[in-house]
Protein backbone atom coordinates (compact mmCIF):
# COMPACT_ATOMS: atom_id res chain seq x y z
CA UNK A 1 0.00 0.00 0.00
CA UNK A 2 1.51 3.34 -1.10
CA UNK A 3 0.66 5.74 1.72
CA UNK A 4 0.53 9.45 0.91
CA UNK A 5 1.35 12.20 3.42
CA UNK A 6 0.24 15.81 3.61
CA UNK A 7 1.88 18.59 5.60
CA UNK A 8 0.11 21.86 6.40
CA UNK A 9 2.33 24.87 7.11
CA UNK A 10 0.50 28.12 8.02
CA UNK A 11 2.64 31.16 7.12
CA UNK A 12 2.41 34.84 7.92
CA UNK A 13 5.47 36.94 7.03
CA UNK A 14 7.80 33.94 7.26
CA UNK A 15 9.98 34.58 4.21
CA UNK A 16 13.16 34.20 6.27
CA UNK A 17 12.12 30.73 7.41
CA UNK A 18 10.73 29.24 4.19
CA UNK A 19 13.94 27.75 2.75
CA UNK A 20 15.10 26.14 5.99
CA UNK A 21 11.58 24.96 6.79
CA UNK A 22 11.18 23.28 3.40
CA UNK A 23 14.60 21.64 3.69
CA UNK A 24 13.85 20.20 7.14
CA UNK A 25 10.39 19.00 6.12
CA UNK A 26 11.69 17.16 3.06
CA UNK A 27 14.56 15.58 5.01
CA UNK A 28 12.15 14.03 7.50
CA UNK A 29 9.31 13.17 5.10
CA UNK A 30 11.66 11.23 2.82
CA UNK A 31 12.47 8.99 5.79
CA UNK A 32 8.84 7.85 5.59
CA UNK A 33 7.90 8.04 1.91
CA UNK A 34 8.53 9.94 -1.32
CA UNK A 35 4.78 10.31 -1.79
CA UNK A 36 4.03 13.54 0.06
CA UNK A 37 2.73 17.06 -0.44
CA UNK A 38 3.57 20.21 1.51
CA UNK A 39 0.75 22.77 1.62
CA UNK A 40 1.86 26.26 2.59
CA UNK A 41 -1.05 28.49 3.60
CA UNK A 42 -0.10 32.12 3.05
CA UNK A 43 -2.24 33.94 5.61
CA UNK A 44 -2.14 37.37 4.00
CA UNK A 45 1.62 37.93 4.29
CA UNK A 46 2.87 41.44 3.46
CA UNK A 47 6.51 40.47 2.93
CA UNK A 48 7.82 38.31 0.07
CA UNK A 49 6.62 35.01 1.57
CA UNK A 50 4.23 34.34 -1.30
CA UNK A 51 6.72 35.16 -4.09
CA UNK A 52 9.26 32.83 -2.51
CA UNK A 53 6.69 30.07 -2.18
CA UNK A 54 5.52 30.59 -5.75
CA UNK A 55 9.06 30.20 -7.08
CA UNK A 56 9.55 26.99 -5.10
CA UNK A 57 6.18 25.58 -6.23
CA UNK A 58 7.23 25.90 -9.90
CA UNK A 59 10.30 23.76 -9.20
CA UNK A 60 8.54 21.03 -7.20
CA UNK A 61 4.85 20.21 -7.75
CA UNK A 62 4.70 18.62 -4.30
CA UNK A 63 4.94 22.15 -2.90
CA UNK A 64 1.43 23.55 -2.92
CA UNK A 65 0.13 26.98 -1.98
CA UNK A 66 -3.16 28.22 -0.60
CA UNK A 67 -3.17 32.02 -0.65
CA UNK A 68 -5.80 33.71 1.52
CA UNK A 69 -7.28 37.06 0.51
CA UNK A 70 -6.10 38.66 3.78
CA UNK A 71 -4.86 37.72 7.23
CA UNK A 72 -7.59 35.58 8.79
CA UNK A 73 -5.48 34.31 11.69
CA UNK A 74 -3.43 31.21 12.40
CA UNK A 75 -6.33 28.97 13.42
CA UNK A 76 -8.36 29.77 10.29
CA UNK A 77 -5.27 29.24 8.12
CA UNK A 78 -5.05 25.71 9.53
CA UNK A 79 -8.58 25.00 8.31
CA UNK A 80 -7.80 26.41 4.87
CA UNK A 81 -4.98 23.88 4.66
CA UNK A 82 -7.18 21.03 5.88
CA UNK A 83 -9.67 21.80 3.13
CA UNK A 84 -7.04 21.11 0.48
CA UNK A 85 -5.17 18.03 1.71
CA UNK A 86 -5.15 14.76 -0.21
CA UNK A 87 -2.97 12.51 1.97
CA UNK A 88 -3.92 9.50 4.07
CA UNK A 89 -2.61 11.31 7.12
CA UNK A 90 -1.80 14.96 7.74
CA UNK A 91 1.01 16.65 9.64
CA UNK A 92 0.53 20.16 11.00
CA UNK A 93 3.55 22.28 11.82
CA UNK A 94 4.44 25.99 11.90
CA UNK A 95 7.06 27.48 9.56
CA UNK A 96 9.24 28.74 12.44
CA UNK A 97 10.27 25.11 13.26
CA UNK A 98 9.92 25.63 17.01
CA UNK A 99 8.20 22.25 16.85
CA UNK A 100 10.61 19.62 15.47
CA UNK A 101 9.86 17.87 12.14
CA UNK A 102 12.36 15.25 13.36
CA UNK A 103 9.39 13.76 15.23
CA UNK A 104 7.57 12.96 11.96
CA UNK A 105 8.86 9.35 11.70
CA UNK A 106 7.94 8.62 15.33
CA UNK A 107 4.49 10.17 14.88
CA UNK A 108 3.97 8.16 11.70
CA UNK A 109 4.89 4.95 13.54
CA UNK A 110 2.22 5.71 16.17
CA UNK A 111 -0.29 6.30 13.37
CA UNK A 112 0.62 2.91 11.86
CA UNK A 113 -0.01 1.41 15.32
CA UNK A 114 -3.62 2.57 15.08
CA UNK A 115 -3.68 6.03 16.66
CA UNK A 116 -5.89 8.51 14.82
CA UNK A 117 -4.18 11.56 16.33
CA UNK A 118 -0.58 11.87 17.48
CA UNK A 119 -0.07 15.28 19.06
CA UNK A 120 2.96 17.04 20.46
CA UNK A 121 3.29 17.69 24.19
CA UNK A 122 5.70 20.41 25.21
CA UNK A 123 7.86 19.05 28.02
CA UNK A 124 10.00 22.16 28.27
CA UNK A 125 9.48 25.59 26.73
CA UNK A 126 12.02 28.29 25.95
CA UNK A 127 11.22 32.00 26.05
CA UNK A 128 10.89 34.82 28.54
CA UNK A 129 10.05 34.05 32.17
CA UNK A 130 6.79 36.00 31.80
CA UNK A 131 5.66 33.86 28.84
CA UNK A 132 6.62 30.60 30.53
CA UNK A 133 4.67 31.53 33.69
CA UNK A 134 1.69 32.83 31.65
CA UNK A 135 1.48 29.62 29.58
CA UNK A 136 1.68 27.41 32.68
CA UNK A 137 -0.99 29.45 34.43
CA UNK A 138 -3.26 29.32 31.38
CA UNK A 139 -2.96 25.53 31.04
CA UNK A 140 -3.76 25.08 34.73
CA UNK A 141 -6.89 27.20 34.33
CA UNK A 142 -7.83 25.43 31.08
CA UNK A 143 -7.37 21.99 32.62
CA UNK A 144 -9.49 22.87 35.65
CA UNK A 145 -12.35 24.32 33.56
CA UNK A 146 -12.32 22.17 30.44
CA UNK A 147 -14.10 18.86 30.03
CA UNK A 148 -11.53 17.62 27.50
CA UNK A 149 -9.64 14.41 28.19
CA UNK A 150 -6.26 15.41 26.73
CA UNK A 151 -5.14 17.82 29.42
CA UNK A 152 -1.47 18.10 28.51
CA UNK A 153 0.25 21.24 27.26
CA UNK A 154 -1.78 20.95 24.05
CA UNK A 155 -0.23 22.30 20.85
CA UNK A 156 -1.29 22.46 17.21
CA UNK A 157 1.73 20.37 16.13
CA UNK A 158 0.36 16.92 15.33
CA UNK A 159 -0.32 14.07 12.92
CA UNK A 160 -3.96 13.32 12.09
CA UNK A 161 -5.66 10.55 10.18
CA UNK A 162 -7.70 11.75 7.21
CA UNK A 163 -10.89 10.63 9.01
CA UNK A 164 -10.15 13.19 11.75
CA UNK A 165 -9.63 15.87 9.10
CA UNK A 166 -13.08 15.13 7.67
CA UNK A 167 -14.63 15.43 11.12
CA UNK A 168 -12.88 18.76 11.72
CA UNK A 169 -14.09 20.16 8.41
CA UNK A 170 -17.66 19.28 9.37
CA UNK A 171 -17.47 21.62 12.37
CA UNK A 172 -18.86 25.06 11.58
CA UNK A 173 -17.50 27.10 14.50
CA UNK A 174 -16.08 30.56 13.74
CA UNK A 175 -14.07 31.15 16.93
CA UNK A 176 -11.67 28.27 16.45
CA UNK A 177 -9.46 26.62 19.04
CA UNK A 178 -8.04 23.88 16.84
CA UNK A 179 -6.19 21.82 19.44
CA UNK A 180 -9.32 21.76 21.61
CA UNK A 181 -11.57 20.67 18.74
CA UNK A 182 -9.08 17.98 17.77
CA UNK A 183 -9.19 16.63 21.31
CA UNK A 184 -13.00 16.99 21.54
CA UNK A 185 -13.53 14.77 18.47
CA UNK A 186 -12.07 11.84 20.37
CA UNK A 187 -10.96 8.53 18.82
CA UNK A 188 -7.63 6.96 19.73
CA UNK A 189 -5.10 9.70 20.51
CA UNK A 190 -1.63 9.80 22.02
CA UNK A 191 0.92 12.50 22.86
CA UNK A 192 4.68 12.62 22.28
CA UNK A 193 6.79 14.81 24.56
CA UNK A 194 9.50 17.12 23.25
CA UNK A 195 11.40 20.26 24.21
CA UNK A 196 10.17 23.31 22.34
CA UNK A 197 12.96 25.61 21.20
CA UNK A 198 12.78 29.36 20.64
CA UNK A 199 12.50 30.58 17.07
CA UNK A 200 15.87 31.25 15.43
CA UNK A 201 14.75 33.63 12.66
CA UNK A 202 12.06 36.30 12.60
CA UNK A 203 9.64 37.33 15.32
CA UNK A 204 6.55 35.67 16.72
CA UNK A 205 3.31 36.76 15.06
CA UNK A 206 1.35 36.05 18.25
CA UNK A 207 1.28 39.26 20.28
CA UNK A 208 -0.30 39.61 23.72
CA UNK A 209 -3.72 40.36 22.23
CA UNK A 210 -3.61 37.29 19.93
CA UNK A 211 -2.55 35.04 22.81
CA UNK A 212 -5.27 36.51 25.04
CA UNK A 213 -7.92 35.88 22.36
CA UNK A 214 -6.65 32.34 21.75
CA UNK A 215 -6.71 31.63 25.50
CA UNK A 216 -10.29 32.93 25.76
CA UNK A 217 -11.37 30.76 22.83
CA UNK A 218 -9.79 27.76 24.52
CA UNK A 219 -11.62 28.31 27.80
CA UNK A 220 -14.97 29.69 26.65
CA UNK A 221 -15.39 27.35 23.65
CA UNK A 222 -15.11 24.25 25.80
CA UNK A 223 -16.65 25.16 29.12
CA UNK A 224 -19.58 27.03 30.66
CA UNK A 225 -18.01 26.71 34.10
CA UNK A 226 -17.03 30.41 34.24
CA UNK A 227 -20.75 31.24 34.18
CA UNK A 228 -21.35 28.73 36.98
CA UNK A 229 -18.53 30.32 38.97
CA UNK A 230 -20.21 33.72 38.56
CA UNK A 231 -23.45 32.27 39.94
CA UNK A 232 -21.75 30.71 42.96
CA UNK A 233 -19.68 33.85 43.58
CA UNK A 234 -22.87 35.91 43.46
CA UNK A 235 -24.54 33.59 45.98
CA UNK A 236 -21.54 33.75 48.33
CA UNK A 237 -21.39 37.55 48.12
CA UNK A 238 -25.15 37.75 48.71
CA UNK A 239 -24.87 35.58 51.84
CA UNK A 240 -21.93 37.63 53.13
CA UNK A 241 -23.89 40.84 52.50
CA UNK A 242 -26.85 39.53 54.52
CA UNK A 243 -24.53 38.57 57.38
CA UNK A 244 -22.89 42.03 57.34
CA UNK A 245 -26.31 43.71 57.32
CA UNK A 246 -27.43 41.59 60.30
CA UNK A 247 -24.16 42.35 62.11
CA UNK A 248 -24.48 46.13 61.64
CA UNK A 249 -28.17 45.98 62.59
CA UNK A 250 -27.40 44.36 65.95
CA UNK A 251 -24.39 46.60 66.50
CA UNK A 252 -26.60 49.65 65.98
CA UNK A 253 -29.27 48.37 68.38
CA UNK A 254 -27.00 47.15 71.18
CA UNK A 255 -24.19 49.67 70.58
CA UNK A 256 -21.48 47.11 71.37
CA UNK A 257 -17.82 47.56 70.52
CA UNK A 258 -16.25 45.78 67.58
CA UNK A 259 -12.46 45.58 67.53
CA UNK A 260 -12.38 48.26 70.17
CA UNK A 261 -14.47 50.71 68.17
CA UNK A 262 -17.91 52.10 68.99
CA UNK A 263 -20.18 52.52 65.91
CA UNK A 264 -20.78 56.25 66.49
CA UNK A 265 -17.05 56.93 66.27
CA UNK A 266 -16.81 55.52 62.74
CA UNK A 267 -18.85 57.22 60.00
CA UNK A 268 -18.31 54.19 57.71
CA UNK A 269 -17.07 56.22 54.75
CA UNK A 270 -14.11 53.96 53.91
CA UNK A 271 -16.18 50.80 54.39
CA UNK A 272 -18.75 52.04 51.89
CA UNK A 273 -16.09 53.05 49.37
CA UNK A 274 -14.34 49.67 49.63
CA UNK A 275 -17.60 47.77 49.17
CA UNK A 276 -18.61 49.92 46.20
CA UNK A 277 -15.25 49.36 44.51
CA UNK A 278 -15.28 45.62 45.18
CA UNK A 279 -18.84 45.05 44.04
CA UNK A 280 -18.44 47.43 41.10
CA UNK A 281 -15.32 45.68 39.81
CA UNK A 282 -16.91 42.26 40.37
CA UNK A 283 -19.99 43.31 38.39
CA UNK A 284 -17.84 44.62 35.54
CA UNK A 285 -15.85 41.37 35.41
CA UNK A 286 -19.09 39.36 35.34
CA UNK A 287 -20.59 41.54 32.62
CA UNK A 288 -17.37 41.31 30.61
CA UNK A 289 -17.33 37.52 30.85
CA UNK A 290 -21.00 37.25 29.89
CA UNK A 291 -20.27 39.69 27.05
CA UNK A 292 -17.52 37.39 25.74
CA UNK A 293 -19.99 34.51 25.53
CA UNK A 294 -22.61 36.72 23.86
CA UNK A 295 -20.01 38.09 21.43
CA UNK A 296 -19.14 34.57 20.36
CA UNK A 297 -22.82 33.82 19.78
CA UNK A 298 -23.00 36.97 17.65
CA UNK A 299 -20.01 35.88 15.55
CA UNK A 300 -21.48 32.42 15.04
CA UNK A 301 -24.89 33.82 14.04
CA UNK A 302 -23.42 35.84 11.14
CA UNK A 303 -22.43 32.63 9.33
CA UNK A 304 -19.49 34.23 7.54
CA UNK A 305 -16.82 31.86 6.18
CA UNK A 306 -13.73 31.24 8.30
CA UNK A 307 -11.52 32.43 5.45
CA UNK A 308 -11.55 33.39 1.78
CA UNK A 309 -9.10 31.72 -0.61
CA UNK A 310 -7.72 34.10 -3.22
CA UNK A 311 -5.88 31.48 -5.29
CA UNK A 312 -4.19 28.10 -5.09
CA UNK A 313 -1.19 26.59 -6.86
CA UNK A 314 -0.47 22.91 -7.65
CA UNK A 315 -3.80 21.94 -6.05
CA UNK A 316 -6.21 20.19 -8.42
CA UNK A 317 -4.86 22.34 -11.27
CA UNK A 318 -6.55 25.43 -9.84
CA UNK A 319 -5.09 28.77 -10.91
């Protein structure tokens, strides 16, 4: 049986990485089979990423390009690649090579053993101390709130059976958290640990805002527990408020000292201000969280496509 492989590589302003990325991908794919395709998804790059890819695609027909009409985001670019694969199994990797293509043969072996998804698990991460702490904190929060079974340091880097790809393409969500959806689908999955290195060339395209939005998608798309926490917090605050009201009522009637202070000596100005600030900030947080859920419902209701493909090259003879 001649097995075919597909590799999806989302790109946004990665011209400096293209040559090295292609070289590393080919080196490791050839260890498995000569029958492969590499699909680069140009996610609206404004540098010469596309021109470099176009030149390479004319030399080797196994190099395929999906050019999006603008930048739709990394997660949507993944789906644009999935829509155009033709292999029996599909690798997903970023062009910066922070995730090692050297794991391809090991992932493929797991797939041959019957696993439908073989995903990467970051054992150690390089980067700034702030990022390392932020990622660890996020994954702890995600694991405690999510109902997903795969609760490792989930990453997009993976190998998927074509049956999983078909299931993913059937999902119509607009706010995508790919690694969560991949885990949610189920089937037989396994993780492979590795040390994630820092990118050698170029800069990360995920700024604080992008990471914040991705983290919110991860938590809110797979759990309604934050809304439950709001309810319980509201109940607790309500009970505490009743107890404080009862306490002040009896203190006013019986005029007893509390912590050495008689009620008449304390106007209560600072207490009122503190309570107003606490309850006000809590209400704003709750409204913001509810707003995030409503905003996602609004995005889903518009039924716009996840992405728009401007053109493709070496894919089904499309021009």
